[in-house]
């Protein structure tokens, strides 16, 4: 019973996240339309939007877009970008004191240092499942990958088994091999044959 409750809550939270993301996206589209329609008032410093209002609104919209990405991607890099834009907005828009600006710049530097030294290459990944018989050169051309192959007849399965042989990895469901900026994982085995292979691409 507890297992089904957890599964229900998992799906429910995903649905709620997508609804919130959709509502946020609709609101941002409406705000962009309002901004475009009122742009003719920009030269008048006494009405909205003046330059400061325009800058602040644009930053808010960018942060909103990054929040949408964070809701449906769930990756560390999206959290990083939300924090980066939020701190940058504070530094650029808020002119309270040089000390506060300095703190903001230091915070941005810490964020970049964290991303450089603490984020692993495969913390940010893009995963796509292909048929094991798919030709590698076609995947490379369509998805802009650089999976190594010997000739045009090489399939994804050929590359996977060759790499597993080099790395002494036993082929089984879930087994992975890694190249420089991507990995290959056995996604499905049917009747003893590998039928689906997942390409795990690192996002830089």
Protein backbone atom coordinates (compact mmCIF):
# COMPACT_ATOMS: atom_id res chain seq x y z
CA UNK A 1 0.00 0.00 0.00
CA UNK A 2 2.80 2.39 0.90
CA UNK A 3 4.52 1.67 -2.43
CA UNK A 4 1.39 2.62 -4.39
CA UNK A 5 0.92 5.75 -2.28
CA UNK A 6 4.47 6.85 -3.06
CA UNK A 7 3.96 6.16 -6.76
CA UNK A 8 0.71 8.15 -6.73
CA UNK A 9 2.36 11.11 -4.98
CA UNK A 10 5.28 10.97 -7.41
CA UNK A 11 2.97 11.21 -10.42
CA UNK A 12 0.82 13.83 -8.70
CA UNK A 13 3.79 16.10 -7.97
CA UNK A 14 4.94 15.78 -11.59
CA UNK A 15 1.50 16.79 -12.85
CA UNK A 16 1.40 19.72 -10.41
CA UNK A 17 4.86 20.85 -11.53
CA UNK A 18 3.78 20.82 -15.18
CA UNK A 19 0.60 22.75 -14.34
CA UNK A 20 2.60 25.38 -12.43
CA UNK A 21 5.11 25.57 -15.29
CA UNK A 22 2.29 25.99 -17.82
CA UNK A 23 0.61 28.73 -15.74
CA UNK A 24 3.94 30.49 -15.31
CA UNK A 25 4.60 30.26 -19.05
CA UNK A 26 1.18 31.73 -19.86
CA UNK A 27 1.75 34.57 -17.39
CA UNK A 28 5.15 35.34 -18.89
CA UNK A 29 3.70 35.39 -22.41
CA UNK A 30 1.00 37.86 -21.26
CA UNK A 31 3.60 40.05 -19.52
CA UNK A 32 5.79 40.06 -22.65
CA UNK A 33 2.78 41.10 -24.75
CA UNK A 34 1.98 43.92 -22.29
CA UNK A 35 5.60 45.06 -22.38
CA UNK A 36 5.65 45.09 -26.18
CA UNK A 37 2.39 47.06 -26.35
CA UNK A 38 3.68 49.67 -23.88
CA UNK A 39 7.16 50.05 -25.38
CA UNK A 40 6.20 53.30 -27.14
CA UNK A 41 6.17 54.99 -23.71
CA UNK A 42 9.85 54.16 -23.12
CA UNK A 43 11.19 57.69 -23.90
CA UNK A 44 8.95 59.20 -21.21
CA UNK A 45 10.78 58.76 -17.89
CA UNK A 46 7.62 59.51 -15.89
CA UNK A 47 5.55 56.63 -17.27
CA UNK A 48 5.90 52.85 -17.43
CA UNK A 49 8.05 51.41 -18.83
CA UNK A 50 11.01 53.69 -18.32
CA UNK A 51 14.50 52.26 -18.71
CA UNK A 52 14.82 50.97 -15.12
CA UNK A 53 11.36 49.38 -15.27
CA UNK A 54 12.21 47.76 -18.60
CA UNK A 55 15.47 46.33 -17.27
CA UNK A 56 13.84 45.02 -14.09
CA UNK A 57 10.90 43.49 -15.97
CA UNK A 58 13.18 41.76 -18.49
CA UNK A 59 15.26 40.26 -15.70
CA UNK A 60 12.10 39.06 -13.96
CA UNK A 61 10.88 37.45 -17.19
CA UNK A 62 14.24 35.73 -17.75
CA UNK A 63 14.18 34.40 -14.18
CA UNK A 64 10.63 33.16 -14.80
CA UNK A 65 11.74 31.31 -17.94
CA UNK A 66 14.59 29.69 -16.01
CA UNK A 67 12.12 28.67 -13.29
CA UNK A 68 10.03 26.90 -15.93
CA UNK A 69 13.11 25.01 -17.10
CA UNK A 70 13.94 24.10 -13.50
CA UNK A 71 10.42 22.72 -12.96
CA UNK A 72 10.52 20.28 -15.87
CA UNK A 73 14.24 19.47 -16.16
CA UNK A 74 15.21 18.93 -12.50
CA UNK A 75 18.93 19.36 -13.14
CA UNK A 76 21.60 21.18 -11.10
CA UNK A 77 22.41 23.47 -14.03
CA UNK A 78 18.87 24.89 -14.10
CA UNK A 79 19.10 25.73 -10.38
CA UNK A 80 22.49 27.32 -11.08
CA UNK A 81 21.04 29.50 -13.85
CA UNK A 82 18.07 30.65 -11.73
CA UNK A 83 20.44 31.67 -8.92
CA UNK A 84 22.82 33.33 -11.38
CA UNK A 85 20.12 35.50 -12.96
CA UNK A 86 18.59 36.33 -9.57
CA UNK A 87 21.93 37.52 -8.17
CA UNK A 88 22.80 39.34 -11.40
CA UNK A 89 19.46 41.14 -11.26
CA UNK A 90 20.18 42.23 -7.69
CA UNK A 91 23.63 43.54 -8.64
CA UNK A 92 22.53 45.36 -11.80
CA UNK A 93 19.10 46.70 -10.77
CA UNK A 94 19.66 47.39 -7.07
CA UNK A 95 21.95 50.38 -6.51
CA UNK A 96 21.81 50.30 -2.71
CA UNK A 97 25.54 50.31 -1.93
CA UNK A 98 28.92 49.27 -3.38
CA UNK A 99 29.25 46.72 -0.56
CA UNK A 100 26.04 44.95 -1.59
CA UNK A 101 27.23 44.94 -5.19
CA UNK A 102 30.54 43.42 -4.09
CA UNK A 103 28.71 40.68 -2.19
CA UNK A 104 26.68 39.93 -5.33
CA UNK A 105 29.82 39.70 -7.49
CA UNK A 106 31.47 37.37 -4.94
CA UNK A 107 28.32 35.22 -4.90
CA UNK A 108 28.42 34.94 -8.71
CA UNK A 109 32.11 33.99 -8.55
CA UNK A 110 31.31 31.28 -5.98
CA UNK A 111 28.54 29.93 -8.23
CA UNK A 112 30.91 29.65 -11.20
CA UNK A 113 33.59 28.02 -9.03
CA UNK A 114 31.01 25.53 -7.75
CA UNK A 115 29.95 24.68 -11.29
CA UNK A 116 33.54 24.26 -12.49
CA UNK A 117 34.94 22.19 -9.62
CA UNK A 118 31.95 20.39 -8.07
CA UNK A 119 29.72 19.54 -11.05
CA UNK A 120 30.68 16.20 -12.59
CA UNK A 121 30.57 15.87 -16.37
CA UNK A 122 27.59 13.50 -16.22
CA UNK A 123 25.65 15.50 -13.63
CA UNK A 124 24.04 17.18 -16.64
CA UNK A 125 22.85 14.60 -19.12
CA UNK A 126 20.52 14.16 -22.04
CA UNK A 127 19.27 10.62 -22.54
CA UNK A 128 17.85 9.12 -25.73
CA UNK A 129 16.95 5.48 -26.35
CA UNK A 130 17.66 4.01 -29.80
CA UNK A 131 17.17 0.66 -31.45
CA UNK A 132 20.34 -1.43 -31.13
CA UNK A 133 20.32 -1.94 -34.92
CA UNK A 134 20.33 1.80 -35.64
CA UNK A 135 23.26 2.88 -37.83
CA UNK A 136 25.75 4.99 -35.90
CA UNK A 137 26.47 7.41 -38.72
CA UNK A 138 22.74 8.21 -38.97
CA UNK A 139 22.53 8.91 -35.22
CA UNK A 140 25.61 11.15 -35.41
CA UNK A 141 24.19 13.10 -38.33
CA UNK A 142 20.68 13.54 -36.92
CA UNK A 143 21.60 14.24 -33.30
CA UNK A 144 25.02 15.90 -33.79
CA UNK A 145 26.87 13.26 -31.82
CA UNK A 146 30.38 11.93 -32.31
CA UNK A 147 29.99 8.23 -31.62
CA UNK A 148 33.09 6.51 -33.05
CA UNK A 149 32.51 3.90 -35.78
CA UNK A 150 34.63 2.04 -38.34
CA UNK A 151 32.30 2.09 -41.34
CA UNK A 152 28.77 3.10 -42.27
CA UNK A 153 27.39 -0.36 -41.56
CA UNK A 154 28.34 -0.17 -37.88
CA UNK A 155 25.30 -0.24 -35.62
CA UNK A 156 24.97 1.12 -32.11
CA UNK A 157 25.16 -2.47 -30.88
CA UNK A 158 28.50 -2.98 -32.69
CA UNK A 159 29.99 0.08 -31.01
CA UNK A 160 28.61 -0.90 -27.60
CA UNK A 161 29.91 -4.49 -27.73
CA UNK A 162 33.30 -3.34 -29.05
CA UNK A 163 33.68 -0.86 -26.19
CA UNK A 164 32.47 -3.42 -23.64
CA UNK A 165 35.10 -5.82 -24.91
CA UNK A 166 37.81 -3.18 -24.55
CA UNK A 167 36.67 -2.24 -21.02
CA UNK A 168 35.95 -5.85 -19.99
CA UNK A 169 32.30 -5.07 -19.14
CA UNK A 170 29.76 -7.90 -19.03
CA UNK A 171 26.73 -7.17 -21.30
CA UNK A 172 23.62 -7.11 -19.14
CA UNK A 173 20.58 -4.88 -18.65
CA UNK A 174 21.76 -1.55 -17.26
CA UNK A 175 25.44 -2.06 -18.12
CA UNK A 176 27.20 1.14 -19.21
CA UNK A 177 30.33 2.13 -21.09
CA UNK A 178 31.68 5.67 -21.19
CA UNK A 179 33.43 7.71 -23.83
CA UNK A 180 34.78 11.25 -23.46
CA UNK A 181 31.50 13.17 -23.33
CA UNK A 182 28.82 10.51 -23.64
CA UNK A 183 27.96 7.01 -22.48
CA UNK A 184 26.07 4.01 -23.80
CA UNK A 185 23.76 1.92 -21.60
CA UNK A 186 21.91 -1.28 -22.35
CA UNK A 187 18.28 -0.22 -21.94
CA UNK A 188 16.53 -3.46 -22.90
CA UNK A 189 17.35 -7.11 -23.48
CA UNK A 190 14.72 -9.38 -25.04
CA UNK A 191 15.17 -13.12 -25.51
CA UNK A 192 18.86 -12.77 -24.72
CA UNK A 193 19.39 -10.08 -27.37
CA UNK A 194 20.12 -6.40 -26.81
CA UNK A 195 17.27 -4.50 -28.48
CA UNK A 196 17.46 -0.98 -27.01
CA UNK A 197 20.50 1.15 -26.19
CA UNK A 198 20.41 4.45 -24.34
CA UNK A 199 22.77 7.23 -25.36
CA UNK A 200 23.67 9.38 -22.34
CA UNK A 201 25.05 12.67 -23.51
CA UNK A 202 26.84 15.09 -21.22
CA UNK A 203 25.52 18.68 -21.39
CA UNK A 204 28.27 21.33 -21.27
